[in-house]
């Protein structure tokens, strides 16, 4: 059981890294990070198409990663 959980955790971690790297960046530099965060926070920038799919996959993989990490610690 422990080996299966570790294997799933590694697969999810690698998948999470790949999905995050596939996402397009909003802007470069510190000023771009601040303005990009504000745009995303207030909903001025709508995610469409592939970006929306990658964003949802990231959320699912993060939740799965934390659940598996906690499960590995318990068993």
N, C-alpha and C. Protein backbone atom coordinates (compact mmCIF):
# COMPACT_ATOMS: atom_id res chain seq x y z
N UNK A 1 0.82 -1.19 0.00
CA UNK A 1 0.00 0.00 0.00
C UNK A 1 0.87 1.26 0.00
N UNK A 2 1.91 1.24 0.83
CA UNK A 2 2.81 2.38 0.92
C UNK A 2 3.53 2.63 -0.41
N UNK A 3 3.98 1.56 -1.04
CA UNK A 3 4.69 1.70 -2.32
C UNK A 3 3.76 2.26 -3.40
N UNK A 4 2.50 1.84 -3.39
CA UNK A 4 1.53 2.35 -4.36
C UNK A 4 1.29 3.84 -4.16
N UNK A 5 1.15 4.26 -2.90
CA UNK A 5 0.94 5.68 -2.61
C UNK A 5 2.15 6.52 -3.01
N UNK A 6 3.34 6.02 -2.75
CA UNK A 6 4.56 6.74 -3.13
C UNK A 6 4.64 6.87 -4.66
N UNK A 7 4.33 5.79 -5.36
CA UNK A 7 4.36 5.82 -6.82
C UNK A 7 3.35 6.82 -7.37
N UNK A 8 2.13 6.82 -6.84
CA UNK A 8 1.12 7.77 -7.27
C UNK A 8 1.54 9.21 -6.96
N UNK A 9 2.16 9.41 -5.80
CA UNK A 9 2.62 10.74 -5.42
C UNK A 9 3.69 11.26 -6.38
N UNK A 10 4.61 10.41 -6.79
CA UNK A 10 5.65 10.81 -7.74
C UNK A 10 5.04 11.13 -9.10
N UNK A 11 4.09 10.32 -9.56
CA UNK A 11 3.43 10.57 -10.84
C UNK A 11 2.66 11.88 -10.81
N UNK A 12 1.94 12.14 -9.73
CA UNK A 12 1.18 13.38 -9.61
C UNK A 12 2.13 14.58 -9.53
N UNK A 13 3.25 14.44 -8.83
CA UNK A 13 4.21 15.54 -8.70
C UNK A 13 4.82 15.89 -10.06
N UNK A 14 5.19 14.89 -10.83
CA UNK A 14 5.75 15.13 -12.16
C UNK A 14 4.70 15.75 -13.07
N UNK A 15 3.48 15.25 -12.99
CA UNK A 15 2.39 15.81 -13.81
C UNK A 15 2.12 17.27 -13.44
N UNK A 16 2.18 17.56 -12.16
CA UNK A 16 1.96 18.94 -11.70
C UNK A 16 3.05 19.87 -12.23
N UNK A 17 4.28 19.43 -12.21
CA UNK A 17 5.38 20.23 -12.74
C UNK A 17 5.18 20.50 -14.23
N UNK A 18 4.81 19.47 -14.97
CA UNK A 18 4.60 19.62 -16.42
C UNK A 18 3.46 20.58 -16.71
N UNK A 19 2.35 20.45 -16.00
CA UNK A 19 1.19 21.31 -16.25
C UNK A 19 1.52 22.76 -15.91
N UNK A 20 2.25 23.00 -14.83
CA UNK A 20 2.62 24.36 -14.47
C UNK A 20 3.56 24.96 -15.52
N UNK A 21 4.49 24.17 -16.01
CA UNK A 21 5.41 24.68 -17.02
C UNK A 21 4.73 24.95 -18.36
N UNK A 22 3.65 24.25 -18.65
CA UNK A 22 2.93 24.47 -19.90
C UNK A 22 2.10 25.74 -19.89
N UNK A 23 1.80 26.27 -18.73
CA UNK A 23 0.98 27.48 -18.65
C UNK A 23 1.77 28.68 -19.14
N UNK A 24 1.06 29.59 -19.79
CA UNK A 24 1.70 30.80 -20.28
C UNK A 24 1.82 31.82 -19.15
N UNK A 25 2.93 32.54 -19.14
CA UNK A 25 3.14 33.56 -18.13
C UNK A 25 2.36 34.81 -18.46
N UNK A 26 1.93 35.54 -17.43
CA UNK A 26 1.15 36.75 -17.68
C UNK A 26 2.06 37.91 -18.09
N UNK A 27 3.14 38.13 -17.37
CA UNK A 27 4.10 39.20 -17.69
C UNK A 27 5.43 38.86 -17.05
N UNK A 28 6.45 39.57 -17.48
CA UNK A 28 7.78 39.32 -16.91
C UNK A 28 8.13 40.42 -15.92
N UNK A 29 8.94 40.08 -14.96
CA UNK A 29 9.42 41.07 -14.02
C UNK A 29 8.48 41.29 -12.85
N UNK A 30 8.95 42.08 -11.89
CA UNK A 30 8.19 42.34 -10.68
C UNK A 30 6.96 43.19 -10.96
N UNK A 31 7.08 44.20 -11.81
CA UNK A 31 5.93 45.05 -12.11
C UNK A 31 4.86 44.25 -12.86
N UNK A 32 5.28 43.34 -13.71
CA UNK A 32 4.32 42.49 -14.41
C UNK A 32 3.62 41.53 -13.47
N UNK A 33 4.34 41.07 -12.47
CA UNK A 33 3.72 40.15 -11.50
C UNK A 33 2.67 40.87 -10.68
N UNK A 34 2.95 42.12 -10.32
CA UNK A 34 1.99 42.88 -9.53
C UNK A 34 0.76 43.23 -10.36
N UNK A 35 0.96 43.74 -11.56
CA UNK A 35 -0.19 44.11 -12.40
C UNK A 35 -0.93 42.87 -12.89
N UNK A 36 -0.21 41.80 -13.19
CA UNK A 36 -0.87 40.58 -13.62
C UNK A 36 -1.72 39.97 -12.52
N UNK A 37 -1.22 40.05 -11.30
CA UNK A 37 -1.98 39.55 -10.16
C UNK A 37 -3.23 40.37 -9.92
N UNK A 38 -3.12 41.68 -10.10
CA UNK A 38 -4.29 42.54 -9.91
C UNK A 38 -5.33 42.28 -10.99
N UNK A 39 -4.88 42.08 -12.22
CA UNK A 39 -5.83 41.79 -13.30
C UNK A 39 -6.54 40.47 -13.05
N UNK A 40 -5.81 39.48 -12.61
CA UNK A 40 -6.42 38.18 -12.37
C UNK A 40 -7.34 38.23 -11.16
N UNK A 41 -6.96 39.02 -10.15
CA UNK A 41 -7.75 39.12 -8.94
C UNK A 41 -9.10 39.77 -9.22
N UNK A 42 -9.10 40.81 -10.02
CA UNK A 42 -10.33 41.53 -10.28
C UNK A 42 -11.08 41.04 -11.51
N UNK A 43 -10.58 39.99 -12.15
CA UNK A 43 -11.31 39.34 -13.23
C UNK A 43 -11.25 40.05 -14.56
N UNK A 44 -10.28 40.92 -14.76
CA UNK A 44 -10.18 41.60 -16.05
C UNK A 44 -9.63 40.67 -17.13
N UNK A 45 -8.89 39.67 -16.72
CA UNK A 45 -8.28 38.75 -17.66
C UNK A 45 -9.00 37.41 -17.56
N UNK A 46 -9.72 37.05 -18.58
CA UNK A 46 -10.46 35.79 -18.58
C UNK A 46 -9.62 34.70 -19.23
N UNK A 47 -9.51 33.57 -18.57
CA UNK A 47 -8.79 32.44 -19.13
C UNK A 47 -9.68 31.72 -20.12
N UNK A 48 -9.13 31.39 -21.26
CA UNK A 48 -9.90 30.72 -22.30
C UNK A 48 -9.10 29.57 -22.86
N UNK A 49 -9.81 28.60 -23.38
CA UNK A 49 -9.19 27.51 -24.12
C UNK A 49 -8.23 26.69 -23.28
N UNK A 50 -7.02 26.59 -23.81
CA UNK A 50 -6.00 25.75 -23.19
C UNK A 50 -5.60 26.26 -21.82
N UNK A 51 -5.55 27.58 -21.65
CA UNK A 51 -5.18 28.14 -20.35
C UNK A 51 -6.19 27.74 -19.27
N UNK A 52 -7.46 27.73 -19.62
CA UNK A 52 -8.49 27.33 -18.66
C UNK A 52 -8.36 25.86 -18.29
N UNK A 53 -8.10 25.02 -19.28
CA UNK A 53 -7.93 23.58 -19.03
C UNK A 53 -6.72 23.35 -18.14
N UNK A 54 -5.61 24.03 -18.45
CA UNK A 54 -4.40 23.86 -17.64
C UNK A 54 -4.59 24.38 -16.22
N UNK A 55 -5.36 25.45 -16.07
CA UNK A 55 -5.62 26.00 -14.74
C UNK A 55 -6.44 25.00 -13.91
N UNK A 56 -7.44 24.41 -14.51
CA UNK A 56 -8.26 23.43 -13.78
C UNK A 56 -7.48 22.16 -13.49
N UNK A 57 -6.64 21.73 -14.44
CA UNK A 57 -5.81 20.55 -14.19
C UNK A 57 -4.84 20.81 -13.04
N UNK A 58 -4.30 22.02 -12.97
CA UNK A 58 -3.39 22.38 -11.89
C UNK A 58 -4.09 22.29 -10.54
N UNK A 59 -5.30 22.81 -10.47
CA UNK A 59 -6.06 22.77 -9.22
C UNK A 59 -6.33 21.32 -8.80
N UNK A 60 -6.75 20.50 -9.73
CA UNK A 60 -7.03 19.09 -9.42
C UNK A 60 -5.77 18.36 -8.97
N UNK A 61 -4.66 18.60 -9.68
CA UNK A 61 -3.41 17.93 -9.33
C UNK A 61 -2.87 18.39 -7.98
N UNK A 62 -3.05 19.66 -7.65
CA UNK A 62 -2.60 20.16 -6.34
C UNK A 62 -3.38 19.50 -5.21
N UNK A 63 -4.70 19.43 -5.37
CA UNK A 63 -5.53 18.78 -4.36
C UNK A 63 -5.14 17.32 -4.21
N UNK A 64 -4.96 16.64 -5.34
CA UNK A 64 -4.56 15.23 -5.31
C UNK A 64 -3.19 15.05 -4.67
N UNK A 65 -2.27 15.96 -4.96
CA UNK A 65 -0.93 15.89 -4.38
C UNK A 65 -0.98 15.99 -2.85
N UNK A 66 -1.76 16.96 -2.34
CA UNK A 66 -1.84 17.11 -0.89
C UNK A 66 -2.53 15.93 -0.23
N UNK A 67 -3.56 15.40 -0.85
CA UNK A 67 -4.24 14.23 -0.30
C UNK A 67 -3.31 13.04 -0.26
N UNK A 68 -2.56 12.83 -1.33
CA UNK A 68 -1.61 11.71 -1.36
C UNK A 68 -0.47 11.91 -0.37
N UNK A 69 0.00 13.14 -0.23
CA UNK A 69 1.08 13.41 0.73
C UNK A 69 0.63 13.12 2.16
N UNK A 70 -0.59 13.51 2.48
CA UNK A 70 -1.12 13.23 3.82
C UNK A 70 -1.32 11.73 3.99
N UNK A 71 -1.80 11.05 2.94
CA UNK A 71 -2.01 9.60 3.02
C UNK A 71 -0.69 8.87 3.21
N UNK A 72 0.37 9.33 2.56
CA UNK A 72 1.68 8.69 2.72
C UNK A 72 2.17 8.86 4.15
N UNK A 73 1.93 10.02 4.74
CA UNK A 73 2.35 10.24 6.12
C UNK A 73 1.58 9.36 7.09
N UNK A 74 0.31 9.10 6.81
CA UNK A 74 -0.52 8.30 7.71
C UNK A 74 -0.16 6.82 7.65
N UNK A 75 0.20 6.33 6.46
CA UNK A 75 0.46 4.90 6.32
C UNK A 75 1.92 4.63 6.41
